[in-house]
């Protein structure tokens, strides 16, 4: 899966937010994940 955070977020923050589901799907090898930052810096 390619993982896209919300506005004013980041790859690292989204990885923390999604960690429970990521761990659930990693537990049986169902999925792997690539988190990316959005390309525009924001305020």
ModelCIF file with pLDDT and N, C-alpha, C, O atoms, coordinates in Angstrom:
data_MODEL
#
_entry.id   MODEL 
#
_entity.id                         1 
_entity.type                       polymer 
_entity.pdbx_number_of_molecules   1 
#
_entity_poly.entity_id                      1 
_entity_poly.type                           'polypeptide(L)' 
_entity_poly.nstd_linkage                   no 
_entity_poly.nstd_monomer                   no 
_entity_poly.pdbx_seq_one_letter_code       
;(UNK)(UNK)(UNK)(UNK)(UNK)(UNK)(UNK)(UNK)(UNK)(UNK)(UNK)(UNK)(UNK)(UNK)(UNK)(UNK)
(UNK)(UNK)(UNK)(UNK)(UNK)(UNK)(UNK)(UNK)(UNK)(UNK)(UNK)(UNK)(UNK)(UNK)(UNK)(UNK)
(UNK)(UNK)(UNK)(UNK)(UNK)(UNK)(UNK)(UNK)(UNK)(UNK)(UNK)
;
_entity_poly.pdbx_seq_one_letter_code_can   XXXXXXXXXXXXXXXXXXXXXXXXXXXXXXXXXXXXXXXXXXX 
_entity_poly.pdbx_strand_id                 A 
#
loop_
_entity_poly_seq.entity_id 
_entity_poly_seq.num 
_entity_poly_seq.mon_id 
_entity_poly_seq.hetero 
1 1  UNK n 
1 2  UNK n 
1 3  UNK n 
1 4  UNK n 
1 5  UNK n 
1 6  UNK n 
1 7  UNK n 
1 8  UNK n 
1 9  UNK n 
1 10 UNK n 
1 11 UNK n 
1 12 UNK n 
1 13 UNK n 
1 14 UNK n 
1 15 UNK n 
1 16 UNK n 
1 17 UNK n 
1 18 UNK n 
1 19 UNK n 
1 20 UNK n 
1 21 UNK n 
1 22 UNK n 
1 23 UNK n 
1 24 UNK n 
1 25 UNK n 
1 26 UNK n 
1 27 UNK n 
1 28 UNK n 
1 29 UNK n 
1 30 UNK n 
1 31 UNK n 
1 32 UNK n 
1 33 UNK n 
1 34 UNK n 
1 35 UNK n 
1 36 UNK n 
1 37 UNK n 
1 38 UNK n 
1 39 UNK n 
1 40 UNK n 
1 41 UNK n 
1 42 UNK n 
1 43 UNK n 
#
_struct_asym.id          A 
_struct_asym.entity_id   1 
#
loop_
_ma_qa_metric.id 
_ma_qa_metric.mode 
_ma_qa_metric.name 
_ma_qa_metric.software_group_id 
_ma_qa_metric.type 
1 global pLDDT . pLDDT 
2 local  pLDDT . pLDDT 
#
_ma_qa_metric_global.metric_id      1 
_ma_qa_metric_global.metric_value   96.14 
_ma_qa_metric_global.model_id       1 
_ma_qa_metric_global.ordinal_id     1 
#
loop_
_ma_qa_metric_local.label_asym_id 
_ma_qa_metric_local.label_comp_id 
_ma_qa_metric_local.label_seq_id 
_ma_qa_metric_local.metric_id 
_ma_qa_metric_local.metric_value 
_ma_qa_metric_local.model_id 
_ma_qa_metric_local.ordinal_id 
A UNK 1  2 98.00 1 1  
A UNK 2  2 98.00 1 2  
A UNK 3  2 98.00 1 3  
A UNK 4  2 98.00 1 4  
A UNK 5  2 97.00 1 5  
A UNK 6  2 95.00 1 6  
A UNK 7  2 92.00 1 7  
A UNK 8  2 93.00 1 8  
A UNK 9  2 94.00 1 9  
A UNK 10 2 96.00 1 10 
A UNK 11 2 97.00 1 11 
A UNK 12 2 96.00 1 12 
A UNK 13 2 96.00 1 13 
A UNK 14 2 97.00 1 14 
A UNK 15 2 97.00 1 15 
A UNK 16 2 96.00 1 16 
A UNK 17 2 96.00 1 17 
A UNK 18 2 97.00 1 18 
A UNK 19 2 98.00 1 19 
A UNK 20 2 98.00 1 20 
A UNK 21 2 98.00 1 21 
A UNK 22 2 98.00 1 22 
A UNK 23 2 98.00 1 23 
A UNK 24 2 98.00 1 24 
A UNK 25 2 98.00 1 25 
A UNK 26 2 97.00 1 26 
A UNK 27 2 97.00 1 27 
A UNK 28 2 96.00 1 28 
A UNK 29 2 96.00 1 29 
A UNK 30 2 95.00 1 30 
A UNK 31 2 97.00 1 31 
A UNK 32 2 98.00 1 32 
A UNK 33 2 98.00 1 33 
A UNK 34 2 98.00 1 34 
A UNK 35 2 98.00 1 35 
A UNK 36 2 98.00 1 36 
A UNK 37 2 97.00 1 37 
A UNK 38 2 97.00 1 38 
A UNK 39 2 96.00 1 39 
A UNK 40 2 94.00 1 40 
A UNK 41 2 92.00 1 41 
A UNK 42 2 89.00 1 42 
A UNK 43 2 84.00 1 43 
#
loop_
_atom_site.group_PDB 
_atom_site.id 
_atom_site.type_symbol 
_atom_site.label_atom_id 
_atom_site.label_alt_id 
_atom_site.label_comp_id 
_atom_site.label_asym_id 
_atom_site.label_entity_id 
_atom_site.label_seq_id 
_atom_site.pdbx_PDB_ins_code 
_atom_site.Cartn_x 
_atom_site.Cartn_y 
_atom_site.Cartn_z 
_atom_site.occupancy 
_atom_site.B_iso_or_equiv 
_atom_site.pdbx_formal_charge 
_atom_site.auth_seq_id 
_atom_site.auth_comp_id 
_atom_site.auth_asym_id 
_atom_site.auth_atom_id 
_atom_site.pdbx_PDB_model_num 
ATOM 1   N N  . UNK A 1 1  ? 0.828  -1.201  0.000  1.00 98.00 ? 1  UNK A N  1 
ATOM 2   C CA . UNK A 1 1  ? 0.000  0.000   0.000  1.00 98.00 ? 1  UNK A CA 1 
ATOM 3   C C  . UNK A 1 1  ? 0.866  1.256   0.000  1.00 98.00 ? 1  UNK A C  1 
ATOM 4   O O  . UNK A 1 1  ? 1.868  1.332   0.712  1.00 98.00 ? 1  UNK A O  1 
ATOM 5   N N  . UNK A 1 2  ? 0.470  2.238   -0.806 1.00 98.00 ? 2  UNK A N  1 
ATOM 6   C CA . UNK A 1 2  ? 1.026  3.582   -0.762 1.00 98.00 ? 2  UNK A CA 1 
ATOM 7   C C  . UNK A 1 2  ? 0.122  4.417   0.143  1.00 98.00 ? 2  UNK A C  1 
ATOM 8   O O  . UNK A 1 2  ? -1.093 4.437   -0.050 1.00 98.00 ? 2  UNK A O  1 
ATOM 9   N N  . UNK A 1 3  ? 0.702  5.109   1.133  1.00 98.00 ? 3  UNK A N  1 
ATOM 10  C CA . UNK A 1 3  ? -0.071 5.748   2.203  1.00 98.00 ? 3  UNK A CA 1 
ATOM 11  C C  . UNK A 1 3  ? 0.104  7.262   2.170  1.00 98.00 ? 3  UNK A C  1 
ATOM 12  O O  . UNK A 1 3  ? 1.225  7.765   2.247  1.00 98.00 ? 3  UNK A O  1 
ATOM 13  N N  . UNK A 1 4  ? -1.013 7.987   2.056  1.00 98.00 ? 4  UNK A N  1 
ATOM 14  C CA . UNK A 1 4  ? -0.999 9.434   1.875  1.00 98.00 ? 4  UNK A CA 1 
ATOM 15  C C  . UNK A 1 4  ? -1.619 10.119  3.095  1.00 98.00 ? 4  UNK A C  1 
ATOM 16  O O  . UNK A 1 4  ? -2.778 9.857   3.416  1.00 98.00 ? 4  UNK A O  1 
ATOM 17  N N  . UNK A 1 5  ? -0.877 10.985  3.777  1.00 97.00 ? 5  UNK A N  1 
ATOM 18  C CA . UNK A 1 5  ? -1.389 11.669  4.974  1.00 97.00 ? 5  UNK A CA 1 
ATOM 19  C C  . UNK A 1 5  ? -2.378 12.779  4.619  1.00 97.00 ? 5  UNK A C  1 
ATOM 20  O O  . UNK A 1 5  ? -2.537 13.154  3.457  1.00 97.00 ? 5  UNK A O  1 
ATOM 21  N N  . UNK A 1 6  ? -3.038 13.289  5.663  1.00 95.00 ? 6  UNK A N  1 
ATOM 22  C CA . UNK A 1 6  ? -3.938 14.412  5.487  1.00 95.00 ? 6  UNK A CA 1 
ATOM 23  C C  . UNK A 1 6  ? -3.186 15.726  5.385  1.00 95.00 ? 6  UNK A C  1 
ATOM 24  O O  . UNK A 1 6  ? -1.975 15.784  5.599  1.00 95.00 ? 6  UNK A O  1 
ATOM 25  N N  . UNK A 1 7  ? -3.928 16.794  5.051  1.00 92.00 ? 7  UNK A N  1 
ATOM 26  C CA . UNK A 1 7  ? -3.333 18.125  4.955  1.00 92.00 ? 7  UNK A CA 1 
ATOM 27  C C  . UNK A 1 7  ? -2.719 18.531  6.285  1.00 92.00 ? 7  UNK A C  1 
ATOM 28  O O  . UNK A 1 7  ? -3.289 18.274  7.345  1.00 92.00 ? 7  UNK A O  1 
ATOM 29  N N  . UNK A 1 8  ? -1.564 19.161  6.223  1.00 93.00 ? 8  UNK A N  1 
ATOM 30  C CA . UNK A 1 8  ? -0.793 19.626  7.374  1.00 93.00 ? 8  UNK A CA 1 
ATOM 31  C C  . UNK A 1 8  ? -0.239 18.468  8.206  1.00 93.00 ? 8  UNK A C  1 
ATOM 32  O O  . UNK A 1 8  ? 0.185  18.660  9.345  1.00 93.00 ? 8  UNK A O  1 
ATOM 33  N N  . UNK A 1 9  ? -0.248 17.286  7.635  1.00 94.00 ? 9  UNK A N  1 
ATOM 34  C CA . UNK A 1 9  ? 0.363  16.131  8.276  1.00 94.00 ? 9  UNK A CA 1 
ATOM 35  C C  . UNK A 1 9  ? 1.707  15.825  7.635  1.00 94.00 ? 9  UNK A C  1 
ATOM 36  O O  . UNK A 1 9  ? 2.282  16.655  6.931  1.00 94.00 ? 9  UNK A O  1 
ATOM 37  N N  . UNK A 1 10 ? 2.194  14.617  7.892  1.00 96.00 ? 10 UNK A N  1 
ATOM 38  C CA . UNK A 1 10 ? 3.466  14.157  7.317  1.00 96.00 ? 10 UNK A CA 1 
ATOM 39  C C  . UNK A 1 10 ? 3.447  12.642  7.305  1.00 96.00 ? 10 UNK A C  1 
ATOM 40  O O  . UNK A 1 10 ? 2.575  12.014  7.906  1.00 96.00 ? 10 UNK A O  1 
ATOM 41  N N  . UNK A 1 11 ? 4.422  12.059  6.612  1.00 97.00 ? 11 UNK A N  1 
ATOM 42  C CA . UNK A 1 11 ? 4.527  10.605  6.577  1.00 97.00 ? 11 UNK A CA 1 
ATOM 43  C C  . UNK A 1 11 ? 4.713  10.051  7.986  1.00 97.00 ? 11 UNK A C  1 
ATOM 44  O O  . UNK A 1 11 ? 4.079  9.059   8.347  1.00 97.00 ? 11 UNK A O  1 
ATOM 45  N N  . UNK A 1 12 ? 5.575  10.678  8.784  1.00 96.00 ? 12 UNK A N  1 
ATOM 46  C CA . UNK A 1 12 ? 5.843  10.179  10.141 1.00 96.00 ? 12 UNK A CA 1 
ATOM 47  C C  . UNK A 1 12 ? 4.599  10.248  11.019 1.00 96.00 ? 12 UNK A C  1 
ATOM 48  O O  . UNK A 1 12 ? 4.304  9.305   11.752 1.00 96.00 ? 12 UNK A O  1 
ATOM 49  N N  . UNK A 1 13 ? 3.869  11.359  10.949 1.00 96.00 ? 13 UNK A N  1 
ATOM 50  C CA . UNK A 1 13 ? 2.656  11.494  11.762 1.00 96.00 ? 13 UNK A CA 1 
ATOM 51  C C  . UNK A 1 13 ? 1.596  10.475  11.336 1.00 96.00 ? 13 UNK A C  1 
ATOM 52  O O  . UNK A 1 13 ? 0.928  9.875   12.179 1.00 96.00 ? 13 UNK A O  1 
ATOM 53  N N  . UNK A 1 14 ? 1.449  10.286  10.030 1.00 97.00 ? 14 UNK A N  1 
ATOM 54  C CA . UNK A 1 14 ? 0.441  9.345   9.549  1.00 97.00 ? 14 UNK A CA 1 
ATOM 55  C C  . UNK A 1 14 ? 0.791  7.922   9.945  1.00 97.00 ? 14 UNK A C  1 
ATOM 56  O O  . UNK A 1 14 ? -0.094 7.116   10.230 1.00 97.00 ? 14 UNK A O  1 
ATOM 57  N N  . UNK A 1 15 ? 2.077  7.615   9.965  1.00 97.00 ? 15 UNK A N  1 
ATOM 58  C CA . UNK A 1 15 ? 2.494  6.277   10.375 1.00 97.00 ? 15 UNK A CA 1 
ATOM 59  C C  . UNK A 1 15 ? 2.112  6.021   11.833 1.00 97.00 ? 15 UNK A C  1 
ATOM 60  O O  . UNK A 1 15 ? 1.712  4.911   12.186 1.00 97.00 ? 15 UNK A O  1 
ATOM 61  N N  . UNK A 1 16 ? 2.233  7.037   12.672 1.00 96.00 ? 16 UNK A N  1 
ATOM 62  C CA . UNK A 1 16 ? 1.806  6.912   14.070 1.00 96.00 ? 16 UNK A CA 1 
ATOM 63  C C  . UNK A 1 16 ? 0.293  6.763   14.149 1.00 96.00 ? 16 UNK A C  1 
ATOM 64  O O  . UNK A 1 16 ? -0.214 5.906   14.873 1.00 96.00 ? 16 UNK A O  1 
ATOM 65  N N  . UNK A 1 17 ? -0.429 7.598   13.405 1.00 96.00 ? 17 UNK A N  1 
ATOM 66  C CA . UNK A 1 17 ? -1.893 7.557   13.434 1.00 96.00 ? 17 UNK A CA 1 
ATOM 67  C C  . UNK A 1 17 ? -2.436 6.209   12.970 1.00 96.00 ? 17 UNK A C  1 
ATOM 68  O O  . UNK A 1 17 ? -3.418 5.706   13.515 1.00 96.00 ? 17 UNK A O  1 
ATOM 69  N N  . UNK A 1 18 ? -1.801 5.638   11.977 1.00 97.00 ? 18 UNK A N  1 
ATOM 70  C CA . UNK A 1 18 ? -2.308 4.404   11.368 1.00 97.00 ? 18 UNK A CA 1 
ATOM 71  C C  . UNK A 1 18 ? -1.695 3.146   11.985 1.00 97.00 ? 18 UNK A C  1 
ATOM 72  O O  . UNK A 1 18 ? -2.009 2.031   11.568 1.00 97.00 ? 18 UNK A O  1 
ATOM 73  N N  . UNK A 1 19 ? -0.821 3.327   12.977 1.00 98.00 ? 19 UNK A N  1 
ATOM 74  C CA . UNK A 1 19 ? -0.051 2.205   13.531 1.00 98.00 ? 19 UNK A CA 1 
ATOM 75  C C  . UNK A 1 19 ? -0.909 1.024   13.971 1.00 98.00 ? 19 UNK A C  1 
ATOM 76  O O  . UNK A 1 19 ? -0.539 -0.110  13.667 1.00 98.00 ? 19 UNK A O  1 
ATOM 77  N N  . UNK A 1 20 ? -2.033 1.214   14.666 1.00 98.00 ? 20 UNK A N  1 
ATOM 78  C CA . UNK A 1 20 ? -2.818 0.037   15.070 1.00 98.00 ? 20 UNK A CA 1 
ATOM 79  C C  . UNK A 1 20 ? -3.266 -0.825  13.887 1.00 98.00 ? 20 UNK A C  1 
ATOM 80  O O  . UNK A 1 20 ? -3.193 -2.052  13.949 1.00 98.00 ? 20 UNK A O  1 
ATOM 81  N N  . UNK A 1 21 ? -3.723 -0.192  12.826 1.00 98.00 ? 21 UNK A N  1 
ATOM 82  C CA . UNK A 1 21 ? -4.142 -0.964  11.652 1.00 98.00 ? 21 UNK A CA 1 
ATOM 83  C C  . UNK A 1 21 ? -2.942 -1.567  10.933 1.00 98.00 ? 21 UNK A C  1 
ATOM 84  O O  . UNK A 1 21 ? -3.000 -2.712  10.487 1.00 98.00 ? 21 UNK A O  1 
ATOM 85  N N  . UNK A 1 22 ? -1.866 -0.814  10.818 1.00 98.00 ? 22 UNK A N  1 
ATOM 86  C CA . UNK A 1 22 ? -0.649 -1.343  10.198 1.00 98.00 ? 22 UNK A CA 1 
ATOM 87  C C  . UNK A 1 22 ? -0.184 -2.593  10.927 1.00 98.00 ? 22 UNK A C  1 
ATOM 88  O O  . UNK A 1 22 ? 0.126  -3.605  10.298 1.00 98.00 ? 22 UNK A O  1 
ATOM 89  N N  . UNK A 1 23 ? -0.136 -2.526  12.257 1.00 98.00 ? 23 UNK A N  1 
ATOM 90  C CA . UNK A 1 23 ? 0.319  -3.677  13.043 1.00 98.00 ? 23 UNK A CA 1 
ATOM 91  C C  . UNK A 1 23 ? -0.619 -4.870  12.874 1.00 98.00 ? 23 UNK A C  1 
ATOM 92  O O  . UNK A 1 23 ? -0.174 -6.017  12.833 1.00 98.00 ? 23 UNK A O  1 
ATOM 93  N N  . UNK A 1 24 ? -1.902 -4.597  12.779 1.00 98.00 ? 24 UNK A N  1 
ATOM 94  C CA . UNK A 1 24 ? -2.883 -5.675  12.580 1.00 98.00 ? 24 UNK A CA 1 
ATOM 95  C C  . UNK A 1 24 ? -2.636 -6.389  11.251 1.00 98.00 ? 24 UNK A C  1 
ATOM 96  O O  . UNK A 1 24 ? -2.672 -7.618  11.187 1.00 98.00 ? 24 UNK A O  1 
ATOM 97  N N  . UNK A 1 25 ? -2.388 -5.623  10.201 1.00 98.00 ? 25 UNK A N  1 
ATOM 98  C CA . UNK A 1 25 ? -2.209 -6.229  8.877  1.00 98.00 ? 25 UNK A CA 1 
ATOM 99  C C  . UNK A 1 25 ? -0.803 -6.790  8.674  1.00 98.00 ? 25 UNK A C  1 
ATOM 100 O O  . UNK A 1 25 ? -0.595 -7.670  7.838  1.00 98.00 ? 25 UNK A O  1 
ATOM 101 N N  . UNK A 1 26 ? 0.159  -6.280  9.439  1.00 97.00 ? 26 UNK A N  1 
ATOM 102 C CA . UNK A 1 26 ? 1.505  -6.863  9.400  1.00 97.00 ? 26 UNK A CA 1 
ATOM 103 C C  . UNK A 1 26 ? 1.567  -8.179  10.161 1.00 97.00 ? 26 UNK A C  1 
ATOM 104 O O  . UNK A 1 26 ? 2.419  -9.022  9.880  1.00 97.00 ? 26 UNK A O  1 
ATOM 105 N N  . UNK A 1 27 ? 0.673  -8.357  11.118 1.00 97.00 ? 27 UNK A N  1 
ATOM 106 C CA . UNK A 1 27 ? 0.753  -9.514  12.027 1.00 97.00 ? 27 UNK A CA 1 
ATOM 107 C C  . UNK A 1 27 ? 0.650  -10.841 11.295 1.00 97.00 ? 27 UNK A C  1 
ATOM 108 O O  . UNK A 1 27 ? 1.200  -11.842 11.753 1.00 97.00 ? 27 UNK A O  1 
ATOM 109 N N  . UNK A 1 28 ? -0.046 -10.864 10.167 1.00 96.00 ? 28 UNK A N  1 
ATOM 110 C CA . UNK A 1 28 ? -0.154 -12.108 9.398  1.00 96.00 ? 28 UNK A CA 1 
ATOM 111 C C  . UNK A 1 28 ? 0.403  -11.963 7.989  1.00 96.00 ? 28 UNK A C  1 
ATOM 112 O O  . UNK A 1 28 ? 0.162  -12.804 7.122  1.00 96.00 ? 28 UNK A O  1 
ATOM 113 N N  . UNK A 1 29 ? 1.152  -10.883 7.773  1.00 96.00 ? 29 UNK A N  1 
ATOM 114 C CA . UNK A 1 29 ? 1.766  -10.667 6.466  1.00 96.00 ? 29 UNK A CA 1 
ATOM 115 C C  . UNK A 1 29 ? 0.798  -10.272 5.375  1.00 96.00 ? 29 UNK A C  1 
ATOM 116 O O  . UNK A 1 29 ? 1.090  -10.437 4.191  1.00 96.00 ? 29 UNK A O  1 
ATOM 117 N N  . UNK A 1 30 ? -0.366 -9.746  5.768  1.00 95.00 ? 30 UNK A N  1 
ATOM 118 C CA . UNK A 1 30 ? -1.368 -9.371  4.767  1.00 95.00 ? 30 UNK A CA 1 
ATOM 119 C C  . UNK A 1 30 ? -0.913 -8.232  3.878  1.00 95.00 ? 30 UNK A C  1 
ATOM 120 O O  . UNK A 1 30 ? -1.244 -8.185  2.694  1.00 95.00 ? 30 UNK A O  1 
ATOM 121 N N  . UNK A 1 31 ? -0.141 -7.298  4.463  1.00 97.00 ? 31 UNK A N  1 
ATOM 122 C CA . UNK A 1 31 ? 0.182  -6.082  3.717  1.00 97.00 ? 31 UNK A CA 1 
ATOM 123 C C  . UNK A 1 31 ? 1.497  -5.488  4.172  1.00 97.00 ? 31 UNK A C  1 
ATOM 124 O O  . UNK A 1 31 ? 1.977  -5.755  5.274  1.00 97.00 ? 31 UNK A O  1 
ATOM 125 N N  . UNK A 1 32 ? 2.074  -4.670  3.290  1.00 98.00 ? 32 UNK A N  1 
ATOM 126 C CA . UNK A 1 32 ? 3.208  -3.812  3.633  1.00 98.00 ? 32 UNK A CA 1 
ATOM 127 C C  . UNK A 1 32 ? 2.825  -2.383  3.263  1.00 98.00 ? 32 UNK A C  1 
ATOM 128 O O  . UNK A 1 32 ? 1.871  -2.163  2.517  1.00 98.00 ? 32 UNK A O  1 
ATOM 129 N N  . UNK A 1 33 ? 3.578  -1.406  3.790  1.00 98.00 ? 33 UNK A N  1 
ATOM 130 C CA . UNK A 1 33 ? 3.157  -0.025  3.693  1.00 98.00 ? 33 UNK A CA 1 
ATOM 131 C C  . UNK A 1 33 ? 4.327  0.893   3.371  1.00 98.00 ? 33 UNK A C  1 
ATOM 132 O O  . UNK A 1 33 ? 5.429  0.730   3.895  1.00 98.00 ? 33 UNK A O  1 
ATOM 133 N N  . UNK A 1 34 ? 4.062  1.869   2.492  1.00 98.00 ? 34 UNK A N  1 
ATOM 134 C CA . UNK A 1 34 ? 5.045  2.916   2.189  1.00 98.00 ? 34 UNK A CA 1 
ATOM 135 C C  . UNK A 1 34 ? 4.367  4.264   2.433  1.00 98.00 ? 34 UNK A C  1 
ATOM 136 O O  . UNK A 1 34 ? 3.435  4.637   1.721  1.00 98.00 ? 34 UNK A O  1 
ATOM 137 N N  . UNK A 1 35 ? 4.845  4.988   3.445  1.00 98.00 ? 35 UNK A N  1 
ATOM 138 C CA . UNK A 1 35 ? 4.302  6.289   3.799  1.00 98.00 ? 35 UNK A CA 1 
ATOM 139 C C  . UNK A 1 35 ? 5.114  7.376   3.107  1.00 98.00 ? 35 UNK A C  1 
ATOM 140 O O  . UNK A 1 35 ? 6.344  7.324   3.085  1.00 98.00 ? 35 UNK A O  1 
ATOM 141 N N  . UNK A 1 36 ? 4.420  8.359   2.542  1.00 98.00 ? 36 UNK A N  1 
ATOM 142 C CA . UNK A 1 36 ? 5.118  9.450   1.845  1.00 98.00 ? 36 UNK A CA 1 
ATOM 143 C C  . UNK A 1 36 ? 4.608  10.799  2.350  1.00 98.00 ? 36 UNK A C  1 
ATOM 144 O O  . UNK A 1 36 ? 3.443  10.940  2.720  1.00 98.00 ? 36 UNK A O  1 
ATOM 145 N N  . UNK A 1 37 ? 5.507  11.789  2.358  1.00 97.00 ? 37 UNK A N  1 
ATOM 146 C CA . UNK A 1 37 ? 5.097  13.166  2.621  1.00 97.00 ? 37 UNK A CA 1 
ATOM 147 C C  . UNK A 1 37 ? 4.412  13.730  1.382  1.00 97.00 ? 37 UNK A C  1 
ATOM 148 O O  . UNK A 1 37 ? 4.690  13.308  0.259  1.00 97.00 ? 37 UNK A O  1 
ATOM 149 N N  . UNK A 1 38 ? 3.518  14.684  1.600  1.00 97.00 ? 38 UNK A N  1 
ATOM 150 C CA . UNK A 1 38 ? 2.989  15.458  0.482  1.00 97.00 ? 38 UNK A CA 1 
ATOM 151 C C  . UNK A 1 38 ? 4.080  16.404  -0.023 1.00 97.00 ? 38 UNK A C  1 
ATOM 152 O O  . UNK A 1 38 ? 4.984  16.750  0.738  1.00 97.00 ? 38 UNK A O  1 
ATOM 153 N N  . UNK A 1 39 ? 4.019  16.826  -1.281 1.00 96.00 ? 39 UNK A N  1 
ATOM 154 C CA . UNK A 1 39 ? 5.127  17.593  -1.861 1.00 96.00 ? 39 UNK A CA 1 
ATOM 155 C C  . UNK A 1 39 ? 5.125  19.097  -1.555 1.00 96.00 ? 39 UNK A C  1 
ATOM 156 O O  . UNK A 1 39 ? 6.118  19.768  -1.834 1.00 96.00 ? 39 UNK A O  1 
ATOM 157 N N  . UNK A 1 40 ? 4.039  19.648  -0.990 1.00 94.00 ? 40 UNK A N  1 
ATOM 158 C CA . UNK A 1 40 ? 3.965  21.093  -0.748 1.00 94.00 ? 40 UNK A CA 1 
ATOM 159 C C  . UNK A 1 40 ? 4.134  21.400  0.739  1.00 94.00 ? 40 UNK A C  1 
ATOM 160 O O  . UNK A 1 40 ? 3.400  20.860  1.567  1.00 94.00 ? 40 UNK A O  1 
ATOM 161 N N  . UNK A 1 41 ? 5.085  22.254  1.082  1.00 92.00 ? 41 UNK A N  1 
ATOM 162 C CA . UNK A 1 41 ? 5.176  22.714  2.463  1.00 92.00 ? 41 UNK A CA 1 
ATOM 163 C C  . UNK A 1 41 ? 3.996  23.629  2.759  1.00 92.00 ? 41 UNK A C  1 
ATOM 164 O O  . UNK A 1 41 ? 3.526  24.341  1.872  1.00 92.00 ? 41 UNK A O  1 
ATOM 165 N N  . UNK A 1 42 ? 3.510  23.617  4.011  1.00 89.00 ? 42 UNK A N  1 
ATOM 166 C CA . UNK A 1 42 ? 2.259  24.306  4.316  1.00 89.00 ? 42 UNK A CA 1 
ATOM 167 C C  . UNK A 1 42 ? 2.288  24.934  5.705  1.00 89.00 ? 42 UNK A C  1 
ATOM 168 O O  . UNK A 1 42 ? 3.141  24.615  6.533  1.00 89.00 ? 42 UNK A O  1 
ATOM 169 N N  . UNK A 1 43 ? 1.341  25.828  5.937  1.00 84.00 ? 43 UNK A N  1 
ATOM 170 C CA . UNK A 1 43 ? 1.125  26.453  7.246  1.00 84.00 ? 43 UNK A CA 1 
ATOM 171 C C  . UNK A 1 43 ? -0.333 26.241  7.605  1.00 84.00 ? 43 UNK A C  1 
ATOM 172 O O  . UNK A 1 43 ? -0.776 26.675  8.669  1.00 84.00 ? 43 UNK A O  1 
#
